[in-house]
C-alpha atoms as a PDB file:
ATOM      1  CA  MET A   1      24.902  67.577  82.299  1.00  0.00           C
ATOM      2  CA  LYS A   2      27.656  65.364  80.971  1.00  0.00           C
ATOM      3  CA  PHE A   3      30.991  64.491  82.420  1.00  0.00           C
ATOM      4  CA  SER A   4      34.082  62.358  81.886  1.00  0.00           C
ATOM      5  CA  VAL A   5      35.457  60.554  84.896  1.00  0.00           C
ATOM      6  CA  PHE A   6      38.631  58.639  85.594  1.00  0.00           C
ATOM      7  CA  GLN A   7      39.564  56.916  88.854  1.00  0.00           C
ATOM      8  CA  ILE A   8      42.648  55.036  89.824  1.00  0.00           C
ATOM      9  CA  SER A   9      44.320  53.656  92.950  1.00  0.00           C
ATOM     10  CA  ARG A  10      47.935  52.499  92.966  1.00  0.00           C
ATOM     11  CA  LYS A  11      49.646  50.787  95.840  1.00  0.00           C
ATOM     12  CA  GLY A  12      52.927  52.314  96.840  1.00  0.00           C
ATOM     13  CA  GLY A  13      55.379  50.905  99.340  1.00  0.00           C
ATOM     14  CA  ARG A  14      52.738  50.378 102.090  1.00  0.00           C
ATOM     15  CA  GLU A  15      51.742  46.940 103.259  1.00  0.00           C
ATOM     16  CA  LYS A  16      48.196  47.473 102.189  1.00  0.00           C
ATOM     17  CA  ASN A  17      46.063  50.081 100.468  1.00  0.00           C
ATOM     18  CA  GLU A  18      43.497  51.734 102.784  1.00  0.00           C
ATOM     19  CA  ASP A  19      42.335  54.290 100.230  1.00  0.00           C
ATOM     20  CA  ARG A  20      38.847  54.128  98.758  1.00  0.00           C
ATOM     21  CA  MET A  21      37.078  56.174  96.091  1.00  0.00           C
ATOM     22  CA  GLY A  22      34.020  56.159  93.922  1.00  0.00           C
ATOM     23  CA  TYR A  23      31.162  58.073  92.368  1.00  0.00           C
ATOM     24  CA  CYS A  24      27.384  57.711  91.671  1.00  0.00           C
ATOM     25  CA  TYR A  25      24.805  59.909  90.031  1.00  0.00           C
ATOM     26  CA  THR A  26      21.207  60.578  89.152  1.00  0.00           C
ATOM     27  CA  LYS A  27      19.918  62.387  86.104  1.00  0.00           C
ATOM     28  CA  GLY A  28      20.393  65.734  87.909  1.00  0.00           C
ATOM     29  CA  SER A  29      23.226  65.275  90.290  1.00  0.00           C
ATOM     30  CA  GLY A  30      26.542  63.528  90.866  1.00  0.00           C
ATOM     31  CA  LEU A  31      28.529  62.583  93.935  1.00  0.00           C
ATOM     32  CA  PHE A  32      32.326  62.014  93.894  1.00  0.00           C
ATOM     33  CA  LEU A  33      34.002  60.572  97.033  1.00  0.00           C
ATOM     34  CA  LEU A  34      37.479  59.660  98.306  1.00  0.00           C
ATOM     35  CA  ALA A  35      38.606  58.462 101.736  1.00  0.00           C
ATOM     36  CA  ASP A  36      42.043  57.555 103.029  1.00  0.00           C
ATOM     37  CA  GLY A  37      42.219  55.180 106.023  1.00  0.00           C
ATOM     38  CA  MET A  38      44.711  56.453 108.504  1.00  0.00           C
ATOM     39  CA  GLY A  39      47.839  54.499 109.382  1.00  0.00           C
ATOM     40  CA  GLY A  40      48.723  54.074 113.051  1.00  0.00           C
ATOM     41  CA  HIS A  41      45.152  53.031 113.851  1.00  0.00           C
ATOM     42  CA  PRO A  42      43.445  49.726 113.353  1.00  0.00           C
ATOM     43  CA  GLU A  43      41.510  48.810 110.240  1.00  0.00           C
ATOM     44  CA  GLY A  44      41.819  52.082 108.347  1.00  0.00           C
ATOM     45  CA  GLU A  45      40.436  50.336 105.257  1.00  0.00           C
ATOM     46  CA  VAL A  46      37.252  49.567 107.182  1.00  0.00           C
ATOM     47  CA  ALA A  47      36.844  53.204 108.144  1.00  0.00           C
ATOM     48  CA  SER A  48      37.375  54.518 104.573  1.00  0.00           C
ATOM     49  CA  GLN A  49      35.118  51.821 103.014  1.00  0.00           C
ATOM     50  CA  MET A  50      32.414  52.456 105.661  1.00  0.00           C
ATOM     51  CA  THR A  51      32.598  56.202 104.936  1.00  0.00           C
ATOM     52  CA  LEU A  52      31.998  55.676 101.241  1.00  0.00           C
ATOM     53  CA  GLN A  53      29.157  53.221 101.809  1.00  0.00           C
ATOM     54  CA  VAL A  54      27.314  55.420 104.360  1.00  0.00           C
ATOM     55  CA  ILE A  55      27.617  58.633 102.358  1.00  0.00           C
ATOM     56  CA  SER A  56      26.761  57.105  99.000  1.00  0.00           C
ATOM     57  CA  ALA A  57      23.715  55.323 100.456  1.00  0.00           C
ATOM     58  CA  LEU A  58      22.428  58.511 101.989  1.00  0.00           C
ATOM     59  CA  TYR A  59      23.046  60.354  98.711  1.00  0.00           C
ATOM     60  CA  GLN A  60      21.108  57.794  96.678  1.00  0.00           C
ATOM     61  CA  LYS A  61      18.223  58.066  99.024  1.00  0.00           C
ATOM     62  CA  ALA A  62      18.213  61.873  99.162  1.00  0.00           C
ATOM     63  CA  ALA A  63      18.989  62.780  95.498  1.00  0.00           C
ATOM     64  CA  GLN A  64      15.471  62.922  93.995  1.00  0.00           C
ATOM     65  CA  PRO A  65      16.991  63.626  91.469  1.00  0.00           C
ATOM     66  CA  GLU A  66      18.945  66.438  93.215  1.00  0.00           C
ATOM     67  CA  ILE A  67      20.034  67.163  96.758  1.00  0.00           C
ATOM     68  CA  GLU A  68      17.793  69.875  98.166  1.00  0.00           C
ATOM     69  CA  ASP A  69      20.394  71.413 100.523  1.00  0.00           C
ATOM     70  CA  VAL A  70      23.888  70.156  99.712  1.00  0.00           C
ATOM     71  CA  LYS A  71      25.627  71.735 102.686  1.00  0.00           C
ATOM     72  CA  ALA A  72      23.094  70.303 105.108  1.00  0.00           C
ATOM     73  CA  PHE A  73      23.435  66.950 103.386  1.00  0.00           C
ATOM     74  CA  PHE A  74      27.267  66.908 103.805  1.00  0.00           C
ATOM     75  CA  ASN A  75      27.099  67.851 107.463  1.00  0.00           C
ATOM     76  CA  MET A  76      24.532  65.096 108.189  1.00  0.00           C
ATOM     77  CA  ALA A  77      26.200  62.422 105.989  1.00  0.00           C
ATOM     78  CA  ILE A  78      29.740  62.863 107.375  1.00  0.00           C
ATOM     79  CA  LEU A  79      28.474  62.825 110.934  1.00  0.00           C
ATOM     80  CA  GLN A  80      26.535  59.613 110.194  1.00  0.00           C
ATOM     81  CA  ALA A  81      29.714  57.991 108.715  1.00  0.00           C
ATOM     82  CA  HIS A  82      31.680  59.078 111.774  1.00  0.00           C
ATOM     83  CA  ARG A  83      29.139  57.584 114.151  1.00  0.00           C
ATOM     84  CA  GLN A  84      29.053  54.338 112.161  1.00  0.00           C
ATOM     85  CA  ILE A  85      32.779  53.941 112.553  1.00  0.00           C
ATOM     86  CA  LEU A  86      32.528  54.492 116.312  1.00  0.00           C
ATOM     87  CA  ARG A  87      29.720  51.967 116.594  1.00  0.00           C
ATOM     88  CA  TYR A  88      31.766  49.455 114.613  1.00  0.00           C
ATOM     89  CA  ALA A  89      34.736  49.980 117.003  1.00  0.00           C
ATOM     90  CA  SER A  90      32.544  49.607 120.060  1.00  0.00           C
ATOM     91  CA  GLU A  91      30.880  46.424 118.766  1.00  0.00           C
ATOM     92  CA  LYS A  92      34.294  44.887 117.904  1.00  0.00           C
ATOM     93  CA  GLY A  93      35.695  45.927 121.326  1.00  0.00           C
ATOM     94  CA  LEU A  94      38.583  47.749 119.722  1.00  0.00           C
ATOM     95  CA  ILE A  95      40.864  49.673 122.115  1.00  0.00           C
ATOM     96  CA  ASP A  96      41.589  52.246 119.410  1.00  0.00           C
ATOM     97  CA  THR A  97      39.148  53.314 116.677  1.00  0.00           C
ATOM     98  CA  PRO A  98      39.602  53.025 112.903  1.00  0.00           C
ATOM     99  CA  ARG A  99      40.033  56.490 111.382  1.00  0.00           C
ATOM    100  CA  THR A 100      39.891  58.056 107.866  1.00  0.00           C
ATOM    101  CA  THR A 101      39.982  61.289 106.035  1.00  0.00           C
ATOM    102  CA  VAL A 102      37.282  62.124 103.478  1.00  0.00           C
ATOM    103  CA  VAL A 103      36.741  64.569 100.614  1.00  0.00           C
ATOM    104  CA  ALA A 104      33.581  64.699  98.545  1.00  0.00           C
ATOM    105  CA  ALA A 105      31.958  66.843  95.846  1.00  0.00           C
ATOM    106  CA  ILE A 106      28.409  67.104  94.635  1.00  0.00           C
ATOM    107  CA  VAL A 107      27.768  68.581  91.191  1.00  0.00           C
ATOM    108  CA  GLN A 108      24.282  69.745  90.242  1.00  0.00           C
ATOM    109  CA  ASP A 109      22.604  72.794  88.709  1.00  0.00           C
ATOM    110  CA  GLY A 110      25.888  73.530  86.869  1.00  0.00           C
ATOM    111  CA  ALA A 111      27.889  74.047  90.040  1.00  0.00           C
ATOM    112  CA  ALA A 112      30.082  72.136  92.436  1.00  0.00           C
ATOM    113  CA  THR A 113      29.966  72.083  96.240  1.00  0.00           C
ATOM    114  CA  TRP A 114      32.577  70.131  98.216  1.00  0.00           C
ATOM    115  CA  VAL A 115      33.491  69.111 101.723  1.00  0.00           C
ATOM    116  CA  HIS A 116      36.571  67.602 103.361  1.00  0.00           C
ATOM    117  CA  CYS A 117      37.850  66.407 106.707  1.00  0.00           C
ATOM    118  CA  GLY A 118      41.509  65.693 107.066  1.00  0.00           C
ATOM    119  CA  ASP A 119      44.159  65.972 104.310  1.00  0.00           C
ATOM    120  CA  SER A 120      42.560  64.334 101.341  1.00  0.00           C
ATOM    121  CA  ARG A 121      42.232  67.153  98.808  1.00  0.00           C
ATOM    122  CA  LEU A 122      39.977  68.516  96.086  1.00  0.00           C
ATOM    123  CA  TYR A 123      41.407  70.682  93.239  1.00  0.00           C
ATOM    124  CA  LEU A 124      39.332  72.701  90.852  1.00  0.00           C
ATOM    125  CA  VAL A 125      41.221  73.502  87.634  1.00  0.00           C
ATOM    126  CA  ARG A 126      40.204  75.697  84.718  1.00  0.00           C
ATOM    127  CA  GLU A 127      42.368  75.815  81.587  1.00  0.00           C
ATOM    128  CA  GLY A 128      45.439  74.636  83.485  1.00  0.00           C
ATOM    129  CA  GLU A 129      44.959  77.174  86.282  1.00  0.00           C
ATOM    130  CA  LEU A 130      44.196  76.344  89.858  1.00  0.00           C
ATOM    131  CA  LEU A 131      40.881  77.976  90.866  1.00  0.00           C
ATOM    132  CA  ALA A 132      40.512  76.401  94.270  1.00  0.00           C
ATOM    133  CA  ARG A 133      41.738  73.637  96.542  1.00  0.00           C
ATOM    134  CA  THR A 134      40.876  72.410  99.985  1.00  0.00           C
ATOM    135  CA  ARG A 135      43.089  73.338 102.937  1.00  0.00           C
ATOM    136  CA  ASP A 136      44.317  70.367 104.976  1.00  0.00           C
ATOM    137  CA  HIS A 137      43.177  69.922 108.591  1.00  0.00           C
ATOM    138  CA  SER A 138      46.834  69.623 109.578  1.00  0.00           C
ATOM    139  CA  TYR A 139      48.696  71.717 112.095  1.00  0.00           C
ATOM    140  CA  LEU A 140      51.219  72.734 109.451  1.00  0.00           C
ATOM    141  CA  GLU A 141      48.835  73.987 106.800  1.00  0.00           C
ATOM    142  CA  GLN A 142      46.377  75.658 109.185  1.00  0.00           C
ATOM    143  CA  HIS A 143      49.332  77.481 110.789  1.00  0.00           C
ATOM    144  CA  ASN A 144      50.543  78.568 107.352  1.00  0.00           C
ATOM    145  CA  ASN A 145      47.017  79.899 106.647  1.00  0.00           C
ATOM    146  CA  ASN A 146      46.867  81.634 109.968  1.00  0.00           C
ATOM    147  CA  LYS A 147      43.700  79.837 111.079  1.00  0.00           C
ATOM    148  CA  PRO A 148      42.889  80.994 114.610  1.00  0.00           C
ATOM    149  CA  GLY A 149      42.670  78.490 117.467  1.00  0.00           C
ATOM    150  CA  VAL A 150      44.988  75.900 116.001  1.00  0.00           C
ATOM    151  CA  ALA A 151      48.036  75.487 118.326  1.00  0.00           C
ATOM    152  CA  ILE A 152      51.150  73.864 116.807  1.00  0.00           C
ATOM    153  CA  PRO A 153      52.737  71.121 118.912  1.00  0.00           C
ATOM    154  CA  LEU A 154      56.489  70.757 119.125  1.00  0.00           C
ATOM    155  CA  ASN A 155      58.191  68.491 116.597  1.00  0.00           C
ATOM    156  CA  PHE A 156      55.075  68.443 114.391  1.00  0.00           C
ATOM    157  CA  ASN A 157      55.087  67.312 110.764  1.00  0.00           C
ATOM    158  CA  ARG A 158      52.763  67.741 107.808  1.00  0.00           C
ATOM    159  CA  ASN A 159      51.147  64.396 108.401  1.00  0.00           C
ATOM    160  CA  VAL A 160      49.718  65.256 111.798  1.00  0.00           C
ATOM    161  CA  LEU A 161      46.010  65.975 111.548  1.00  0.00           C
ATOM    162  CA  TYR A 162      43.794  67.598 114.221  1.00  0.00           C
ATOM    163  CA  THR A 163      40.554  66.053 112.877  1.00  0.00           C
ATOM    164  CA  CYS A 164      39.293  63.060 111.039  1.00  0.00           C
ATOM    165  CA  LEU A 165      36.415  60.551 110.987  1.00  0.00           C
ATOM    166  CA  GLY A 166      36.523  57.934 113.709  1.00  0.00           C
ATOM    167  CA  ALA A 167      38.358  59.936 116.332  1.00  0.00           C
ATOM    168  CA  PRO A 168      36.764  60.461 119.801  1.00  0.00           C
ATOM    169  CA  SER A 169      35.910  64.112 119.009  1.00  0.00           C
ATOM    170  CA  LYS A 170      33.341  65.313 116.495  1.00  0.00           C
ATOM    171  CA  PRO A 171      34.935  65.769 113.050  1.00  0.00           C
ATOM    172  CA  VAL A 172      35.631  69.252 111.792  1.00  0.00           C
ATOM    173  CA  VAL A 173      34.476  69.810 108.180  1.00  0.00           C
ATOM    174  CA  ASP A 174      35.003  72.639 105.671  1.00  0.00           C
ATOM    175  CA  ILE A 175      32.267  73.105 103.026  1.00  0.00           C
ATOM    176  CA  HIS A 176      32.667  75.318  99.990  1.00  0.00           C
ATOM    177  CA  GLY A 177      30.401  76.271  97.114  1.00  0.00           C
ATOM    178  CA  PRO A 178      28.384  76.151  95.097  1.00  0.00           C
ATOM    179  CA  VAL A 179      30.923  77.252  92.497  1.00  0.00           C
ATOM    180  CA  PRO A 180      29.603  77.626  88.881  1.00  0.00           C
ATOM    181  CA  LEU A 181      31.392  75.316  86.456  1.00  0.00           C
ATOM    182  CA  GLN A 182      32.449  76.097  82.873  1.00  0.00           C
ATOM    183  CA  GLN A 183      32.929  73.730  79.947  1.00  0.00           C
ATOM    184  CA  GLY A 184      36.242  71.819  80.427  1.00  0.00           C
ATOM    185  CA  ASP A 185      36.616  72.439  84.157  1.00  0.00           C
ATOM    186  CA  ARG A 186      38.285  69.557  86.005  1.00  0.00           C
ATOM    187  CA  ILE A 187      37.616  68.501  89.577  1.00  0.00           C
ATOM    188  CA  LEU A 188      40.253  66.153  91.089  1.00  0.00           C
ATOM    189  CA  LEU A 189      39.968  64.434  94.467  1.00  0.00           C
ATOM    190  CA  CYS A 190      43.084  62.736  95.799  1.00  0.00           C
ATOM    191  CA  SER A 191      44.818  61.183  98.773  1.00  0.00           C
ATOM    192  CA  ASP A 192      48.025  62.660 100.114  1.00  0.00           C
ATOM    193  CA  GLY A 193      50.000  60.131  98.168  1.00  0.00           C
ATOM    194  CA  LEU A 194      49.518  62.380  95.117  1.00  0.00           C
ATOM    195  CA  TRP A 195      49.831  65.921  96.479  1.00  0.00           C
ATOM    196  CA  GLY A 196      52.639  64.985  98.871  1.00  0.00           C
ATOM    197  CA  ASN A 197      54.966  64.448  95.845  1.00  0.00           C
ATOM    198  CA  LEU A 198      53.648  67.063  93.413  1.00  0.00           C
ATOM    199  CA  ASP A 199      53.203  70.766  93.933  1.00  0.00           C
ATOM    200  CA  ASP A 200      49.925  72.515  93.146  1.00  0.00           C
ATOM    201  CA  THR A 201      51.188  74.381  90.091  1.00  0.00           C
ATOM    202  CA  GLU A 202      52.517  71.194  88.445  1.00  0.00           C
ATOM    203  CA  LEU A 203      49.341  69.304  89.254  1.00  0.00           C
ATOM    204  CA  ALA A 204      47.068  71.963  87.857  1.00  0.00           C
ATOM    205  CA  TYR A 205      49.140  72.484  84.710  1.00  0.00           C
ATOM    206  CA  GLN A 206      49.234  68.832  83.803  1.00  0.00           C
ATOM    207  CA  LEU A 207      45.542  68.284  84.587  1.00  0.00           C
ATOM    208  CA  GLY A 208      44.785  71.049  82.118  1.00  0.00           C
ATOM    209  CA  GLN A 209      46.913  69.630  79.324  1.00  0.00           C
ATOM    210  CA  ASN A 210      44.945  66.456  78.575  1.00  0.00           C
ATOM    211  CA  VAL A 211      41.605  64.722  79.184  1.00  0.00           C
ATOM    212  CA  VAL A 212      41.393  63.318  82.661  1.00  0.00           C
ATOM    213  CA  GLY A 213      41.876  59.733  81.350  1.00  0.00           C
ATOM    214  CA  VAL A 214      45.359  60.707  80.074  1.00  0.00           C
ATOM    215  CA  ALA A 215      46.402  63.397  82.687  1.00  0.00           C
ATOM    216  CA  VAL A 216      45.543  61.470  85.801  1.00  0.00           C
ATOM    217  CA  PRO A 217      47.589  58.292  85.151  1.00  0.00           C
ATOM    218  CA  GLU A 218      50.540  60.448  84.244  1.00  0.00           C
ATOM    219  CA  LEU A 219      50.214  62.388  87.486  1.00  0.00           C
ATOM    220  CA  VAL A 220      49.902  59.180  89.535  1.00  0.00           C
ATOM    221  CA  GLU A 221      52.969  57.647  87.891  1.00  0.00           C
ATOM    222  CA  LYS A 222      55.031  60.789  88.477  1.00  0.00           C
ATOM    223  CA  ALA A 223      53.975  60.817  92.220  1.00  0.00           C
ATOM    224  CA  LEU A 224      54.946  57.182  92.632  1.00  0.00           C
ATOM    225  CA  VAL A 225      58.332  57.706  90.982  1.00  0.00           C
ATOM    226  CA  LYS A 226      59.074  60.783  93.154  1.00  0.00           C
ATOM    227  CA  GLY A 227      57.928  58.928  96.279  1.00  0.00           C
ATOM    228  CA  GLY A 228      60.329  56.069  95.639  1.00  0.00           C
ATOM    229  CA  PRO A 229      60.176  52.620  97.279  1.00  0.00           C
ATOM    230  CA  LYS A 230      58.439  53.968 100.399  1.00  0.00           C
ATOM    231  CA  SER A 231      55.801  55.963  98.449  1.00  0.00           C
ATOM    232  CA  ASP A 232      52.390  56.226  99.967  1.00  0.00           C
ATOM    233  CA  ASN A 233      49.426  54.744  98.107  1.00  0.00           C
ATOM    234  CA  VAL A 234      48.124  57.117  95.414  1.00  0.00           C
ATOM    235  CA  THR A 235      44.374  57.349  94.821  1.00  0.00           C
ATOM    236  CA  VAL A 236      42.607  59.789  92.540  1.00  0.00           C
ATOM    237  CA  ILE A 237      39.158  60.403  91.095  1.00  0.00           C
ATOM    238  CA  ALA A 238      38.870  63.211  88.555  1.00  0.00           C
ATOM    239  CA  MET A 239      35.906  64.576  86.627  1.00  0.00           C
ATOM    240  CA  GLU A 240      35.856  66.804  83.538  1.00  0.00           C
ATOM    241  CA  TRP A 241      32.683  68.906  83.109  1.00  0.00           C
ATOM    242  CA  GLU A 242      31.329  68.744  79.573  1.00  0.00           C
ATOM    243  CA  THR A 243      27.812  69.897  78.833  1.00  0.00           C
ATOM    244  CA  PRO A 244      24.814  71.186  80.874  1.00  0.00           C
ATOM    245  CA  ASP A 245      22.346  68.608  79.616  1.00  0.00           C
ATOM    246  CA  ILE A 246      21.385  65.275  81.085  1.00  0.00           C
ATOM    247  CA  PHE A 247      23.793  63.937  83.667  1.00  0.00           C
ATOM    248  CA  ALA A 248      25.662  61.098  81.943  1.00  0.00           C
ATOM    249  CA  SER A 249      29.113  59.599  82.275  1.00  0.00           C
ATOM    250  CA  THR A 250      31.317  59.362  79.160  1.00  0.00           C
ATOM    251  CA  ARG A 251      34.784  58.022  78.606  1.00  0.00           C
ATOM    252  CA  GLY A 252      34.727  56.786  82.123  1.00  0.00           C
ATOM    253  CA  SER A 253      37.583  54.508  83.205  1.00  0.00           C
ATOM    254  CA  ILE A 254      38.394  52.742  86.462  1.00  0.00           C
ATOM    255  CA  ILE A 255      41.732  51.264  87.479  1.00  0.00           C
ATOM    256  CA  THR A 256      42.305  49.873  90.931  1.00  0.00           C
ATOM    257  CA  GLU A 257      45.157  47.958  92.487  1.00  0.00           C
ATOM    258  CA  ALA A 258      44.931  46.193  95.859  1.00  0.00           C
ATOM    259  CA  ILE A 259      41.450  47.472  96.647  1.00  0.00           C
ATOM    260  CA  ASP A 260      38.838  45.105  98.072  1.00  0.00           C
ATOM    261  CA  ASP A 261      35.472  44.543  96.355  1.00  0.00           C
ATOM    262  CA  GLY A 262      32.739  46.972  97.123  1.00  0.00           C
ATOM    263  CA  VAL A 263      34.164  50.123  95.710  1.00  0.00           C
ATOM    264  CA  PHE A 264      31.138  51.803  94.097  1.00  0.00           C
ATOM    265  CA  ALA A 265      31.032  53.569  90.723  1.00  0.00           C
END
């Protein structure tokens, strides 16, 4: 199988960029990852970077050349990343723990399976139409989707999450798939800096109009302009599915701003 990939991270009006993203693949499988370190807690960039490192290392060990049970892998890998963050906080003697969201997709056997925790999103777009997207683990969105058991606190806002990696409680994850892919399908993973300023219809339409290497920078620029001087950081990794042959990356591009070394690709 062949794919085109484009990833970009742009710093908005924040003091630093705590977003991280990347991808890796074998001849039969590909992993795409994005994490957004959470503000209001220490060292969010450590939590997001650690999450990528743990999950990608486990993937590279398990993909021989495919992941035998993708859903079981996601459950195991995210819990391992969560525990690694807690160990780091304990060893450093931090009063509060670093925290991060995460969204990830594995593509193999002509299908995509994805997982998320928090409000970093995945969009699956076919011919400019939105086929699927993740639902944020926020009080607002879960209330709007009538998810049972999620009480809404007074004076809540869309940024308040009820789960993430690095919190004292075990992270809640949602896993979907496998979803069969068709030629030209696009999978986009993004931080809330993108979707917070663009609606789903606009995002899906523009992603379907051009190859990912053209569509994604335009979406990111539009989000930054709409966000203004106080815009959140905007990080995106997008993949276009091409052919069901050998897994190979084509027309891949990487652009990062204010991201430390160590982002994998």
